[in-house]
């Protein structure tokens, strides 16, 4: 979806690119009250938004939504950019676009974080930045908690709550060969020898069932379908499915 030509009705292949001197001229015109210059700045930096949203392509979000949110960040950056500072606009704008997208992802996360927890977390981050600038070293959680006047555990919990979820397929190391993913570092208790033997026993017991019983057990317990769904698929009543299922399970118990 990232590489599609049209996003939100914008033909990405025809987006203009502004040079530095053009940018400065437009910024001066915009700050003098020229709204058309502001529009040109927005249009001339949409490619910047496209480059940023590619970082979030593995989140399962619609690219159109990310693009629109990224444009909000871009507009904020344009409206607040200070020409007197010796910094490129892209250097200033990219963090603002990323911040806007991260806020959107956090607020629309399936795991909802309460407003009170978010407030504690944001205040803790502000205090951390202030303490770093004052003492030139990373403050401890205890110091931040003392400044906030809340329990240390509450600060830890709040900061953990606003962390972005990490994909199991995110690479954590790559030496030029196959990358090591997050999931490679996680153990699975379900893969124990005991469960492996149980799986073999179930497969052997399934061979003792007739074809209809195998099909019903597979649909019910391996595909997670209801008895009504199984009945519709096979073409019999739910009562018959229930009776055949019970008989199949009785047979399985006998052979396991």
C-alpha atoms as a PDB file:
ATOM      1  CA  UNK A   1       0.000   0.000   0.000  1.00  0.00           C
ATOM      2  CA  UNK A   2       2.927   2.337   0.708  1.00  0.00           C
ATOM      3  CA  UNK A   3       3.967   2.252  -2.955  1.00  0.00           C
ATOM      4  CA  UNK A   4       0.560   2.942  -4.422  1.00  0.00           C
ATOM      5  CA  UNK A   5       0.366   5.984  -6.655  1.00  0.00           C
ATOM      6  CA  UNK A   6      -2.649   7.624  -5.002  1.00  0.00           C
ATOM      7  CA  UNK A   7      -3.047   8.246  -1.272  1.00  0.00           C
ATOM      8  CA  UNK A   8      -6.026  10.249   0.018  1.00  0.00           C
ATOM      9  CA  UNK A   9      -6.690  11.348  -3.549  1.00  0.00           C
ATOM     10  CA  UNK A  10      -3.152  12.723  -3.917  1.00  0.00           C
ATOM     11  CA  UNK A  11      -1.152  11.488  -6.894  1.00  0.00           C
ATOM     12  CA  UNK A  12       2.165  10.850  -5.138  1.00  0.00           C
ATOM     13  CA  UNK A  13       4.080  10.518  -8.391  1.00  0.00           C
ATOM     14  CA  UNK A  14       3.350  14.165  -9.244  1.00  0.00           C
ATOM     15  CA  UNK A  15       4.156  15.782  -5.906  1.00  0.00           C
ATOM     16  CA  UNK A  16       6.456  18.829  -6.278  1.00  0.00           C
ATOM     17  CA  UNK A  17       9.842  19.091  -4.550  1.00  0.00           C
ATOM     18  CA  UNK A  18      11.022  22.461  -3.237  1.00  0.00           C
ATOM     19  CA  UNK A  19      14.632  23.623  -3.109  1.00  0.00           C
ATOM     20  CA  UNK A  20      16.047  25.319  -0.007  1.00  0.00           C
ATOM     21  CA  UNK A  21      16.015  28.824  -1.485  1.00  0.00           C
ATOM     22  CA  UNK A  22      12.416  28.320  -2.672  1.00  0.00           C
ATOM     23  CA  UNK A  23      11.465  27.176   0.828  1.00  0.00           C
ATOM     24  CA  UNK A  24      12.955  30.265   2.458  1.00  0.00           C
ATOM     25  CA  UNK A  25      11.192  32.572  -0.012  1.00  0.00           C
ATOM     26  CA  UNK A  26       7.857  30.858   0.632  1.00  0.00           C
ATOM     27  CA  UNK A  27       8.319  30.927   4.409  1.00  0.00           C
ATOM     28  CA  UNK A  28       8.982  34.675   4.302  1.00  0.00           C
ATOM     29  CA  UNK A  29       5.889  35.184   2.149  1.00  0.00           C
ATOM     30  CA  UNK A  30       3.757  33.008   4.433  1.00  0.00           C
ATOM     31  CA  UNK A  31       4.907  34.852   7.553  1.00  0.00           C
ATOM     32  CA  UNK A  32       3.985  38.076   5.787  1.00  0.00           C
ATOM     33  CA  UNK A  33       0.420  36.808   5.453  1.00  0.00           C
ATOM     34  CA  UNK A  34       0.445  35.043   2.068  1.00  0.00           C
ATOM     35  CA  UNK A  35      -1.838  31.984   2.435  1.00  0.00           C
ATOM     36  CA  UNK A  36      -0.990  30.706  -1.037  1.00  0.00           C
ATOM     37  CA  UNK A  37       2.673  30.425   0.040  1.00  0.00           C
ATOM     38  CA  UNK A  38       1.560  28.267   2.980  1.00  0.00           C
ATOM     39  CA  UNK A  39      -0.340  25.981   0.600  1.00  0.00           C
ATOM     40  CA  UNK A  40       2.737  25.678  -1.621  1.00  0.00           C
ATOM     41  CA  UNK A  41       4.857  24.753   1.391  1.00  0.00           C
ATOM     42  CA  UNK A  42       2.406  22.043   2.373  1.00  0.00           C
ATOM     43  CA  UNK A  43       2.215  20.620  -1.158  1.00  0.00           C
ATOM     44  CA  UNK A  44       5.991  20.857  -1.582  1.00  0.00           C
ATOM     45  CA  UNK A  45       6.669  18.804   1.565  1.00  0.00           C
ATOM     46  CA  UNK A  46       4.120  16.011   1.233  1.00  0.00           C
ATOM     47  CA  UNK A  47       6.923  13.682   0.092  1.00  0.00           C
ATOM     48  CA  UNK A  48       8.394  14.181   3.565  1.00  0.00           C
ATOM     49  CA  UNK A  49       5.187  12.748   5.055  1.00  0.00           C
ATOM     50  CA  UNK A  50       5.363   9.794   2.651  1.00  0.00           C
ATOM     51  CA  UNK A  51       8.913   8.995   3.720  1.00  0.00           C
ATOM     52  CA  UNK A  52       7.942   9.108   7.413  1.00  0.00           C
ATOM     53  CA  UNK A  53       4.850   6.883   7.207  1.00  0.00           C
ATOM     54  CA  UNK A  54       6.938   4.074   5.691  1.00  0.00           C
ATOM     55  CA  UNK A  55       8.445   3.628   9.178  1.00  0.00           C
ATOM     56  CA  UNK A  56       4.987   2.643  10.423  1.00  0.00           C
ATOM     57  CA  UNK A  57       4.048   0.309   7.561  1.00  0.00           C
ATOM     58  CA  UNK A  58       4.075  -2.808   9.801  1.00  0.00           C
ATOM     59  CA  UNK A  59       1.450  -1.492  12.253  1.00  0.00           C
ATOM     60  CA  UNK A  60      -1.562  -2.729  10.308  1.00  0.00           C
ATOM     61  CA  UNK A  61      -2.925   0.817   9.949  1.00  0.00           C
ATOM     62  CA  UNK A  62      -4.442   2.213   6.768  1.00  0.00           C
ATOM     63  CA  UNK A  63      -1.826   4.249   4.923  1.00  0.00           C
ATOM     64  CA  UNK A  64      -4.453   6.887   4.071  1.00  0.00           C
ATOM     65  CA  UNK A  65      -5.069   7.451   7.796  1.00  0.00           C
ATOM     66  CA  UNK A  66      -1.355   7.670   8.589  1.00  0.00           C
ATOM     67  CA  UNK A  67      -0.861  10.088   5.698  1.00  0.00           C
ATOM     68  CA  UNK A  68      -3.608  12.400   6.934  1.00  0.00           C
ATOM     69  CA  UNK A  69      -2.224  12.367  10.487  1.00  0.00           C
ATOM     70  CA  UNK A  70       1.280  12.969   9.136  1.00  0.00           C
ATOM     71  CA  UNK A  71      -0.023  15.984   7.199  1.00  0.00           C
ATOM     72  CA  UNK A  72      -1.306  17.451  10.477  1.00  0.00           C
ATOM     73  CA  UNK A  73       2.223  17.149  11.874  1.00  0.00           C
ATOM     74  CA  UNK A  74       3.623  18.736   8.718  1.00  0.00           C
ATOM     75  CA  UNK A  75       1.237  21.707   8.947  1.00  0.00           C
ATOM     76  CA  UNK A  76       2.149  22.237  12.617  1.00  0.00           C
ATOM     77  CA  UNK A  77       5.829  22.193  11.656  1.00  0.00           C
ATOM     78  CA  UNK A  78       5.262  24.734   8.856  1.00  0.00           C
ATOM     79  CA  UNK A  79       3.266  27.053  11.121  1.00  0.00           C
ATOM     80  CA  UNK A  80       5.882  26.940  13.893  1.00  0.00           C
ATOM     81  CA  UNK A  81       9.128  26.869  11.915  1.00  0.00           C
ATOM     82  CA  UNK A  82      11.571  29.630  12.846  1.00  0.00           C
ATOM     83  CA  UNK A  83      13.622  30.865   9.879  1.00  0.00           C
ATOM     84  CA  UNK A  84      16.150  32.511  12.193  1.00  0.00           C
ATOM     85  CA  UNK A  85      17.309  29.117  13.459  1.00  0.00           C
ATOM     86  CA  UNK A  86      20.149  27.576  11.461  1.00  0.00           C
ATOM     87  CA  UNK A  87      18.385  24.261  10.809  1.00  0.00           C
ATOM     88  CA  UNK A  88      16.904  22.605   7.732  1.00  0.00           C
ATOM     89  CA  UNK A  89      13.116  22.425   7.662  1.00  0.00           C
ATOM     90  CA  UNK A  90      13.135  18.634   7.204  1.00  0.00           C
ATOM     91  CA  UNK A  91      15.264  18.250  10.362  1.00  0.00           C
ATOM     92  CA  UNK A  92      12.638  20.211  12.280  1.00  0.00           C
ATOM     93  CA  UNK A  93       9.559  18.698  10.617  1.00  0.00           C
ATOM     94  CA  UNK A  94      10.315  14.953  10.720  1.00  0.00           C
ATOM     95  CA  UNK A  95      10.193  14.643  14.555  1.00  0.00           C
ATOM     96  CA  UNK A  96       6.918  16.580  14.594  1.00  0.00           C
ATOM     97  CA  UNK A  97       5.374  14.324  11.950  1.00  0.00           C
ATOM     98  CA  UNK A  98       6.590  11.209  13.787  1.00  0.00           C
ATOM     99  CA  UNK A  99       5.249  12.569  17.090  1.00  0.00           C
ATOM    100  CA  UNK A 100       1.819  13.233  15.579  1.00  0.00           C
ATOM    101  CA  UNK A 101       1.632   9.712  14.126  1.00  0.00           C
ATOM    102  CA  UNK A 102       2.786   8.124  17.394  1.00  0.00           C
ATOM    103  CA  UNK A 103       0.126  10.088  19.292  1.00  0.00           C
ATOM    104  CA  UNK A 104      -2.502   8.835  16.853  1.00  0.00           C
ATOM    105  CA  UNK A 105      -1.333   5.223  17.173  1.00  0.00           C
ATOM    106  CA  UNK A 106      -1.206   5.465  20.961  1.00  0.00           C
ATOM    107  CA  UNK A 107      -4.669   7.028  21.266  1.00  0.00           C
ATOM    108  CA  UNK A 108      -6.165   4.489  18.834  1.00  0.00           C
ATOM    109  CA  UNK A 109      -4.398   1.474  20.305  1.00  0.00           C
ATOM    110  CA  UNK A 110      -6.588  -1.527  21.142  1.00  0.00           C
ATOM    111  CA  UNK A 111      -4.905  -1.474  24.558  1.00  0.00           C
ATOM    112  CA  UNK A 112      -6.481   1.615  26.086  1.00  0.00           C
ATOM    113  CA  UNK A 113      -4.450   3.631  28.576  1.00  0.00           C
ATOM    114  CA  UNK A 114      -6.349   5.840  31.041  1.00  0.00           C
ATOM    115  CA  UNK A 115      -5.933   9.610  30.813  1.00  0.00           C
ATOM    116  CA  UNK A 116      -4.601   9.786  34.381  1.00  0.00           C
ATOM    117  CA  UNK A 117      -1.841   7.273  33.557  1.00  0.00           C
ATOM    118  CA  UNK A 118      -0.930   9.145  30.379  1.00  0.00           C
ATOM    119  CA  UNK A 119      -0.772  12.420  32.316  1.00  0.00           C
ATOM    120  CA  UNK A 120       1.611  10.896  34.873  1.00  0.00           C
ATOM    121  CA  UNK A 121       3.779   9.450  32.098  1.00  0.00           C
ATOM    122  CA  UNK A 122       4.013  12.737  30.165  1.00  0.00           C
ATOM    123  CA  UNK A 123       4.788  14.713  33.327  1.00  0.00           C
ATOM    124  CA  UNK A 124       7.454  12.127  34.220  1.00  0.00           C
ATOM    125  CA  UNK A 125       9.058  12.557  30.788  1.00  0.00           C
ATOM    126  CA  UNK A 126       9.070  16.346  31.163  1.00  0.00           C
ATOM    127  CA  UNK A 127      10.668  16.090  34.606  1.00  0.00           C
ATOM    128  CA  UNK A 128      13.249  13.646  33.251  1.00  0.00           C
ATOM    129  CA  UNK A 129      14.252  16.093  30.488  1.00  0.00           C
ATOM    130  CA  UNK A 130      14.529  18.945  33.021  1.00  0.00           C
ATOM    131  CA  UNK A 131      16.643  16.881  35.435  1.00  0.00           C
ATOM    132  CA  UNK A 132      18.926  15.718  32.613  1.00  0.00           C
ATOM    133  CA  UNK A 133      19.576  19.344  31.600  1.00  0.00           C
ATOM    134  CA  UNK A 134      20.185  20.402  35.230  1.00  0.00           C
ATOM    135  CA  UNK A 135      22.362  17.568  36.502  1.00  0.00           C
ATOM    136  CA  UNK A 136      23.785  16.386  33.149  1.00  0.00           C
ATOM    137  CA  UNK A 137      22.992  12.751  33.977  1.00  0.00           C
ATOM    138  CA  UNK A 138      20.071  10.356  33.722  1.00  0.00           C
ATOM    139  CA  UNK A 139      17.769  10.725  36.748  1.00  0.00           C
ATOM    140  CA  UNK A 140      16.533   7.676  38.651  1.00  0.00           C
ATOM    141  CA  UNK A 141      12.875   6.670  38.805  1.00  0.00           C
ATOM    142  CA  UNK A 142      12.956   7.509  42.515  1.00  0.00           C
ATOM    143  CA  UNK A 143      14.031  11.095  41.735  1.00  0.00           C
ATOM    144  CA  UNK A 144      11.268  11.501  39.152  1.00  0.00           C
ATOM    145  CA  UNK A 145       8.693  10.033  41.564  1.00  0.00           C
ATOM    146  CA  UNK A 146       9.833  12.429  44.287  1.00  0.00           C
ATOM    147  CA  UNK A 147       9.424  15.406  41.951  1.00  0.00           C
ATOM    148  CA  UNK A 148       5.967  14.188  40.922  1.00  0.00           C
ATOM    149  CA  UNK A 149       5.047  13.294  44.514  1.00  0.00           C
ATOM    150  CA  UNK A 150       3.634   9.931  43.481  1.00  0.00           C
ATOM    151  CA  UNK A 151       4.776   6.382  44.381  1.00  0.00           C
ATOM    152  CA  UNK A 152       7.737   5.051  42.407  1.00  0.00           C
ATOM    153  CA  UNK A 153       5.712   2.017  41.231  1.00  0.00           C
ATOM    154  CA  UNK A 154       3.065   4.313  39.736  1.00  0.00           C
ATOM    155  CA  UNK A 155       5.701   6.131  37.646  1.00  0.00           C
ATOM    156  CA  UNK A 156       7.087   2.812  36.361  1.00  0.00           C
ATOM    157  CA  UNK A 157       3.594   1.552  35.522  1.00  0.00           C
ATOM    158  CA  UNK A 158       2.659   4.800  33.732  1.00  0.00           C
ATOM    159  CA  UNK A 159       5.844   4.850  31.620  1.00  0.00           C
ATOM    160  CA  UNK A 160       5.365   1.200  30.664  1.00  0.00           C
ATOM    161  CA  UNK A 161       1.742   1.871  29.692  1.00  0.00           C
ATOM    162  CA  UNK A 162       2.605   4.429  26.992  1.00  0.00           C
ATOM    163  CA  UNK A 163       5.294   2.328  25.311  1.00  0.00           C
ATOM    164  CA  UNK A 164       4.540   1.364  21.726  1.00  0.00           C
ATOM    165  CA  UNK A 165       3.909  -2.368  21.256  1.00  0.00           C
ATOM    166  CA  UNK A 166       6.767  -4.246  19.568  1.00  0.00           C
ATOM    167  CA  UNK A 167       6.158  -6.622  16.682  1.00  0.00           C
ATOM    168  CA  UNK A 168       7.331 -10.209  17.212  1.00  0.00           C
ATOM    169  CA  UNK A 169       8.814 -10.004  13.720  1.00  0.00           C
ATOM    170  CA  UNK A 170      10.924  -6.916  14.451  1.00  0.00           C
ATOM    171  CA  UNK A 171      14.643  -7.655  13.885  1.00  0.00           C
ATOM    172  CA  UNK A 172      16.917  -7.042  16.880  1.00  0.00           C
ATOM    173  CA  UNK A 173      20.220  -8.168  15.337  1.00  0.00           C
ATOM    174  CA  UNK A 174      21.555  -8.793  11.858  1.00  0.00           C
ATOM    175  CA  UNK A 175      25.132  -9.800  11.037  1.00  0.00           C
ATOM    176  CA  UNK A 176      24.552  -9.930   7.291  1.00  0.00           C
ATOM    177  CA  UNK A 177      22.748 -13.282   7.330  1.00  0.00           C
ATOM    178  CA  UNK A 178      19.260 -14.112   8.579  1.00  0.00           C
ATOM    179  CA  UNK A 179      18.158 -11.523  11.166  1.00  0.00           C
ATOM    180  CA  UNK A 180      17.335 -12.477  14.760  1.00  0.00           C
ATOM    181  CA  UNK A 181      13.749 -11.457  15.511  1.00  0.00           C
ATOM    182  CA  UNK A 182      12.069 -10.633  18.816  1.00  0.00           C
ATOM    183  CA  UNK A 183      10.125 -13.893  18.613  1.00  0.00           C
ATOM    184  CA  UNK A 184      13.421 -15.832  18.469  1.00  0.00           C
ATOM    185  CA  UNK A 185      14.168 -14.626  22.009  1.00  0.00           C
ATOM    186  CA  UNK A 186      10.837 -15.776  23.477  1.00  0.00           C
ATOM    187  CA  UNK A 187      10.371 -19.283  24.845  1.00  0.00           C
ATOM    188  CA  UNK A 188       7.124 -21.212  24.383  1.00  0.00           C
ATOM    189  CA  UNK A 189       6.107 -23.520  27.219  1.00  0.00           C
ATOM    190  CA  UNK A 190       3.580 -25.140  24.901  1.00  0.00           C
ATOM    191  CA  UNK A 191       6.424 -26.775  22.990  1.00  0.00           C
ATOM    192  CA  UNK A 192       7.377 -29.027  25.907  1.00  0.00           C
ATOM    193  CA  UNK A 193       8.076 -32.750  25.380  1.00  0.00           C
ATOM    194  CA  UNK A 194       4.931 -33.656  27.302  1.00  0.00           C
ATOM    195  CA  UNK A 195       2.650 -31.670  25.004  1.00  0.00           C
ATOM    196  CA  UNK A 196       4.536 -32.942  21.953  1.00  0.00           C
ATOM    197  CA  UNK A 197       3.786 -36.525  23.022  1.00  0.00           C
ATOM    198  CA  UNK A 198       0.139 -35.633  23.639  1.00  0.00           C
ATOM    199  CA  UNK A 199      -0.080 -34.248  20.109  1.00  0.00           C
ATOM    200  CA  UNK A 200       1.293 -37.487  18.682  1.00  0.00           C
ATOM    201  CA  UNK A 201      -1.214 -39.471  20.762  1.00  0.00           C
ATOM    202  CA  UNK A 202      -4.115 -37.344  19.468  1.00  0.00           C
ATOM    203  CA  UNK A 203      -2.996 -37.785  15.853  1.00  0.00           C
ATOM    204  CA  UNK A 204      -2.790 -41.556  16.299  1.00  0.00           C
ATOM    205  CA  UNK A 205      -6.217 -41.661  17.970  1.00  0.00           C
ATOM    206  CA  UNK A 206      -7.736 -39.568  15.143  1.00  0.00           C
ATOM    207  CA  UNK A 207      -6.785 -42.327  12.708  1.00  0.00           C
ATOM    208  CA  UNK A 208      -9.253 -44.616  14.519  1.00  0.00           C
ATOM    209  CA  UNK A 209     -12.219 -42.375  13.656  1.00  0.00           C
ATOM    210  CA  UNK A 210     -14.245 -42.651  10.465  1.00  0.00           C
ATOM    211  CA  UNK A 211     -14.085 -39.850   7.878  1.00  0.00           C
ATOM    212  CA  UNK A 212     -17.210 -38.030   9.085  1.00  0.00           C
ATOM    213  CA  UNK A 213     -16.084 -38.083  12.712  1.00  0.00           C
ATOM    214  CA  UNK A 214     -12.621 -36.835  11.714  1.00  0.00           C
ATOM    215  CA  UNK A 215     -14.195 -33.998   9.736  1.00  0.00           C
ATOM    216  CA  UNK A 216     -16.459 -32.931  12.619  1.00  0.00           C
ATOM    217  CA  UNK A 217     -13.651 -33.038  15.194  1.00  0.00           C
ATOM    218  CA  UNK A 218     -11.380 -31.068  12.851  1.00  0.00           C
ATOM    219  CA  UNK A 219     -14.005 -28.378  12.229  1.00  0.00           C
ATOM    220  CA  UNK A 220     -14.994 -28.123  15.895  1.00  0.00           C
ATOM    221  CA  UNK A 221     -11.664 -28.271  17.706  1.00  0.00           C
ATOM    222  CA  UNK A 222      -8.994 -27.368  15.142  1.00  0.00           C
ATOM    223  CA  UNK A 223     -10.891 -24.681  13.214  1.00  0.00           C
ATOM    224  CA  UNK A 224     -12.988 -23.451  16.146  1.00  0.00           C
ATOM    225  CA  UNK A 225     -16.398 -23.634  14.457  1.00  0.00           C
ATOM    226  CA  UNK A 226     -19.685 -23.886  16.342  1.00  0.00           C
ATOM    227  CA  UNK A 227     -21.964 -26.918  16.072  1.00  0.00           C
ATOM    228  CA  UNK A 228     -24.410 -24.820  14.000  1.00  0.00           C
ATOM    229  CA  UNK A 229     -21.633 -23.844  11.566  1.00  0.00           C
ATOM    230  CA  UNK A 230     -20.528 -27.483  11.284  1.00  0.00           C
ATOM    231  CA  UNK A 231     -24.117 -28.579  10.709  1.00  0.00           C
ATOM    232  CA  UNK A 232     -24.560 -26.035   7.892  1.00  0.00           C
ATOM    233  CA  UNK A 233     -21.278 -27.095   6.258  1.00  0.00           C
ATOM    234  CA  UNK A 234     -21.953 -30.841   6.395  1.00  0.00           C
ATOM    235  CA  UNK A 235     -25.686 -30.622   5.713  1.00  0.00           C
ATOM    236  CA  UNK A 236     -27.064 -32.295   8.853  1.00  0.00           C
ATOM    237  CA  UNK A 237     -28.834 -31.031  11.974  1.00  0.00           C
ATOM    238  CA  UNK A 238     -27.081 -29.591  15.024  1.00  0.00           C
ATOM    239  CA  UNK A 239     -28.432 -32.473  17.111  1.00  0.00           C
ATOM    240  CA  UNK A 240     -26.729 -34.965  14.778  1.00  0.00           C
ATOM    241  CA  UNK A 241     -23.473 -33.011  14.983  1.00  0.00           C
ATOM    242  CA  UNK A 242     -23.692 -33.067  18.788  1.00  0.00           C
ATOM    243  CA  UNK A 243     -24.322 -36.815  18.835  1.00  0.00           C
ATOM    244  CA  UNK A 244     -21.495 -37.599  16.384  1.00  0.00           C
ATOM    245  CA  UNK A 245     -19.120 -35.274  18.252  1.00  0.00           C
ATOM    246  CA  UNK A 246     -19.783 -37.008  21.580  1.00  0.00           C
ATOM    247  CA  UNK A 247     -19.249 -40.414  20.010  1.00  0.00           C
ATOM    248  CA  UNK A 248     -15.983 -39.244  18.390  1.00  0.00           C
ATOM    249  CA  UNK A 249     -14.669 -37.808  21.656  1.00  0.00           C
ATOM    250  CA  UNK A 250     -15.556 -41.033  23.469  1.00  0.00           C
ATOM    251  CA  UNK A 251     -13.549 -42.966  20.872  1.00  0.00           C
ATOM    252  CA  UNK A 252     -10.612 -40.581  21.191  1.00  0.00           C
ATOM    253  CA  UNK A 253     -10.520 -40.939  24.977  1.00  0.00           C
ATOM    254  CA  UNK A 254     -10.458 -44.701  24.581  1.00  0.00           C
ATOM    255  CA  UNK A 255      -7.370 -44.639  22.332  1.00  0.00           C
ATOM    256  CA  UNK A 256      -5.354 -41.855  24.024  1.00  0.00           C
END
